[in-house]
Amino acid sequence: MNIILLGPPGAGKGTQAQKLVAERNMVQLSTGDMLRAARTSGTEMGKKVAAVMDAGNLVTDEIVIGLIREQLENGAEGGFIFDGFPRTLTQADALDALLSEMGQSLDAVIELRVDDEVLVHRIVNRAEEARAAGEPVRADDNEEALRVRLVAYYKQTSPLIGYYYAKGDLKSVDGLASMDDVAASIAKALA
């Protein structure tokens, strides 16, 4: 089973992906993790990634699709979870073409729906509690940075909701429910 998790920053995509990995033996394809691993791998693709990143440039869609291709070629018993990719309609088209070329397809796109104000409040409060407890906190887990990240999400990534809805692949769940309730909603959507 191949799925995409969509939702704004802080909606819980990473948490839910980890649950799916543990419960369904899926492989989480996080573009950030793949880029970091490729950079230190010593492979031809890794050398390309390192050169682009060392120059301070953004990695191209072509390189990211190449990394995804490598992962798909290695296979995964339970399928793949695309977390943080695609982010744009161009990337969605490239992913569809790659999956088709490899004889695979998407089984579902799960949207974690959230209310922005509740989400910002929840993340800021959680960050403050973590700081008070001396736990590590993302530097951008503050209201101003979160609002900037939300604007970027709505500009670039939210068009994917309509794209996948029109294709009949989109399933929406309440991303503000408890972690276990969100996981149960995702399991039901994937049944």
Protein backbone atom coordinates (compact mmCIF):
# COMPACT_ATOMS: atom_id res chain seq x y z
CA MET A 1 0.00 0.00 0.00
CA ASN A 2 1.36 3.42 -1.00
CA ILE A 3 -0.06 6.49 0.70
CA ILE A 4 0.57 10.21 1.03
CA LEU A 5 0.03 12.09 4.28
CA LEU A 6 -1.05 15.69 3.67
CA GLY A 7 -1.57 18.45 6.18
CA PRO A 8 -0.06 21.69 7.39
CA PRO A 9 3.07 21.84 9.53
CA GLY A 10 2.41 20.45 12.99
CA ALA A 11 -0.68 18.47 11.97
CA GLY A 12 0.92 15.21 13.09
CA LYS A 13 2.00 13.66 9.78
CA GLY A 14 5.31 12.44 11.18
CA THR A 15 3.70 10.95 14.28
CA GLN A 16 1.07 9.11 12.25
CA ALA A 17 3.68 7.93 9.75
CA GLN A 18 5.69 6.38 12.60
CA LYS A 19 2.56 4.55 13.80
CA LEU A 20 1.94 3.18 10.30
CA VAL A 21 5.56 2.07 10.04
CA ALA A 22 5.27 0.17 13.33
CA GLU A 23 1.82 -1.31 12.71
CA ARG A 24 1.88 -2.06 8.98
CA ASN A 25 5.57 -2.54 8.21
CA MET A 26 5.51 0.39 5.81
CA VAL A 27 8.52 2.53 4.91
CA GLN A 28 8.30 6.26 5.61
CA LEU A 29 9.80 8.31 2.81
CA SER A 30 10.57 11.68 4.34
CA THR A 31 12.34 13.88 1.82
CA GLY A 32 14.44 15.54 4.52
CA ASP A 33 15.63 12.19 5.87
CA MET A 34 16.32 10.89 2.34
CA LEU A 35 18.36 13.98 1.46
CA ARG A 36 20.43 13.77 4.64
CA ALA A 37 21.08 10.05 4.07
CA ALA A 38 21.94 10.55 0.39
CA ARG A 39 24.32 13.38 1.18
CA THR A 40 26.55 11.08 3.24
CA SER A 41 26.04 7.90 1.17
CA GLY A 42 28.87 8.36 -1.32
CA THR A 43 26.61 7.27 -4.23
CA GLU A 44 26.40 9.24 -7.47
CA MET A 45 23.02 10.60 -6.39
CA GLY A 46 24.46 11.41 -2.97
CA LYS A 47 27.29 13.38 -4.55
CA LYS A 48 24.74 15.41 -6.56
CA VAL A 49 22.74 16.10 -3.40
CA ALA A 50 25.84 17.14 -1.45
CA ALA A 51 27.01 19.48 -4.23
CA VAL A 52 23.63 21.21 -4.44
CA MET A 53 23.23 21.51 -0.66
CA ASP A 54 26.84 22.62 -0.11
CA ALA A 55 26.28 25.40 -2.65
CA GLY A 56 23.31 26.54 -0.56
CA ASN A 57 20.79 25.72 -3.29
CA LEU A 58 17.49 23.88 -3.11
CA VAL A 59 17.53 20.30 -4.31
CA THR A 60 15.64 19.95 -7.59
CA ASP A 61 12.47 17.91 -8.03
CA GLU A 62 14.45 15.71 -10.42
CA ILE A 63 16.91 14.77 -7.68
CA VAL A 64 14.14 14.11 -5.14
CA ILE A 65 12.31 11.89 -7.66
CA GLY A 66 15.61 10.07 -8.25
CA LEU A 67 15.94 9.41 -4.52
CA ILE A 68 12.35 8.18 -4.36
CA ARG A 69 13.02 5.90 -7.35
CA GLU A 70 15.95 4.34 -5.47
CA GLN A 71 13.74 3.68 -2.46
CA LEU A 72 10.92 2.21 -4.56
CA GLU A 73 13.40 -0.09 -6.31
CA ASN A 74 14.42 -1.46 -2.90
CA GLY A 75 10.77 -2.26 -2.18
CA ALA A 76 8.89 -2.42 1.09
CA GLU A 77 6.70 -5.25 2.31
CA GLY A 78 3.96 -2.96 3.62
CA GLY A 79 4.35 -0.19 1.04
CA PHE A 80 5.43 3.41 1.31
CA ILE A 81 4.30 6.52 3.17
CA PHE A 82 5.16 9.74 1.39
CA ASP A 83 5.66 12.33 4.14
CA GLY A 84 6.53 15.85 2.98
CA PHE A 85 6.34 14.91 -0.70
CA PRO A 86 4.79 15.90 -2.96
CA ARG A 87 4.56 19.56 -1.98
CA THR A 88 3.49 20.97 -5.35
CA LEU A 89 1.30 19.95 -8.28
CA THR A 90 4.43 19.51 -10.41
CA GLN A 91 5.84 17.09 -7.85
CA ALA A 92 2.50 15.24 -7.69
CA ASP A 93 2.56 14.75 -11.46
CA ALA A 94 6.19 13.56 -11.31
CA LEU A 95 5.35 11.10 -8.52
CA ASP A 96 2.35 9.75 -10.46
CA ALA A 97 4.54 9.27 -13.55
CA LEU A 98 7.25 7.51 -11.52
CA LEU A 99 4.79 5.16 -9.81
CA SER A 100 3.14 4.36 -13.13
CA GLU A 101 6.51 3.67 -14.76
CA MET A 102 7.35 1.27 -11.93
CA GLY A 103 3.98 -0.50 -12.10
CA GLN A 104 2.82 0.95 -8.79
CA SER A 105 0.13 3.39 -7.75
CA LEU A 106 -1.13 5.43 -4.84
CA ASP A 107 -3.73 3.68 -2.71
CA ALA A 108 -4.80 6.71 -0.70
CA VAL A 109 -4.01 10.29 0.17
CA ILE A 110 -4.84 11.04 3.79
CA GLU A 111 -5.46 14.69 4.64
CA LEU A 112 -5.04 15.60 8.30
CA ARG A 113 -7.59 18.43 8.56
CA VAL A 114 -6.93 21.02 11.25
CA ASP A 115 -8.16 24.42 12.38
CA ASP A 116 -5.18 26.75 12.05
CA GLU A 117 -5.84 28.73 15.22
CA VAL A 118 -6.23 25.57 17.32
CA LEU A 119 -3.12 24.09 15.71
CA VAL A 120 -0.98 27.18 16.42
CA HIS A 121 -2.23 27.34 20.00
CA ARG A 122 -1.54 23.62 20.53
CA ILE A 123 1.99 23.72 19.11
CA VAL A 124 3.00 26.91 20.93
CA ASN A 125 1.68 25.54 24.24
CA ARG A 126 3.40 22.19 23.69
CA ALA A 127 6.69 23.99 22.93
CA GLU A 128 6.38 26.12 26.08
CA GLU A 129 5.74 23.02 28.20
CA ALA A 130 8.74 21.26 26.67
CA ARG A 131 10.99 24.28 27.27
CA ALA A 132 9.83 24.43 30.90
CA ALA A 133 10.70 20.74 31.26
CA GLY A 134 14.13 21.27 29.66
CA GLU A 135 13.24 19.18 26.60
CA PRO A 136 14.43 20.02 23.07
CA VAL A 137 12.10 22.19 20.98
CA ARG A 138 12.16 23.09 17.30
CA ALA A 139 13.45 26.63 16.86
CA ASP A 140 10.48 27.43 14.61
CA ASP A 141 7.81 26.22 17.07
CA ASN A 142 6.68 29.74 17.86
CA GLU A 143 3.61 31.60 16.68
CA GLU A 144 5.31 33.86 14.14
CA ALA A 145 7.30 31.08 12.47
CA LEU A 146 4.31 28.74 12.45
CA ARG A 147 2.17 31.33 10.67
CA VAL A 148 4.89 31.77 8.03
CA ARG A 149 5.04 27.98 7.56
CA LEU A 150 1.24 27.83 7.28
CA VAL A 151 1.20 30.50 4.56
CA ALA A 152 3.84 28.55 2.62
CA TYR A 153 1.76 25.37 3.00
CA TYR A 154 -1.40 27.04 1.71
CA LYS A 155 0.43 28.61 -1.24
CA GLN A 156 2.33 25.50 -2.34
CA THR A 157 0.81 22.34 -0.95
CA SER A 158 -2.90 22.87 -0.29
CA PRO A 159 -3.73 22.72 -4.04
CA LEU A 160 -2.89 19.01 -3.75
CA ILE A 161 -6.07 18.52 -1.71
CA GLY A 162 -8.22 19.43 -4.71
CA TYR A 163 -5.93 17.52 -7.07
CA TYR A 164 -6.22 14.25 -5.18
CA TYR A 165 -9.92 14.81 -4.41
CA ALA A 166 -10.61 15.09 -8.15
CA LYS A 167 -8.69 11.85 -8.73
CA GLY A 168 -10.78 10.09 -6.06
CA ASP A 169 -7.76 9.36 -3.86
CA LEU A 170 -8.38 11.83 -0.99
CA LYS A 171 -9.62 10.78 2.42
CA SER A 172 -9.85 13.36 5.20
CA VAL A 173 -9.51 12.78 8.93
CA ASP A 174 -9.69 15.11 11.93
CA GLY A 175 -6.04 15.89 12.60
CA LEU A 176 -6.84 17.59 15.91
CA ALA A 177 -8.28 14.48 17.56
CA SER A 178 -6.11 12.51 19.98
CA MET A 179 -3.16 10.65 18.43
CA ASP A 180 -4.93 7.32 18.89
CA ASP A 181 -8.20 8.61 17.40
CA VAL A 182 -6.36 10.02 14.39
CA ALA A 183 -4.60 6.67 13.94
CA ALA A 184 -7.95 4.84 14.16
CA SER A 185 -9.46 7.22 11.58
CA ILE A 186 -6.51 6.62 9.24
CA ALA A 187 -6.84 2.84 9.69
CA LYS A 188 -10.53 3.08 8.83
CA ALA A 189 -9.77 5.22 5.76
CA LEU A 190 -7.23 2.64 4.58
CA ALA A 191 -9.50 -0.38 5.17
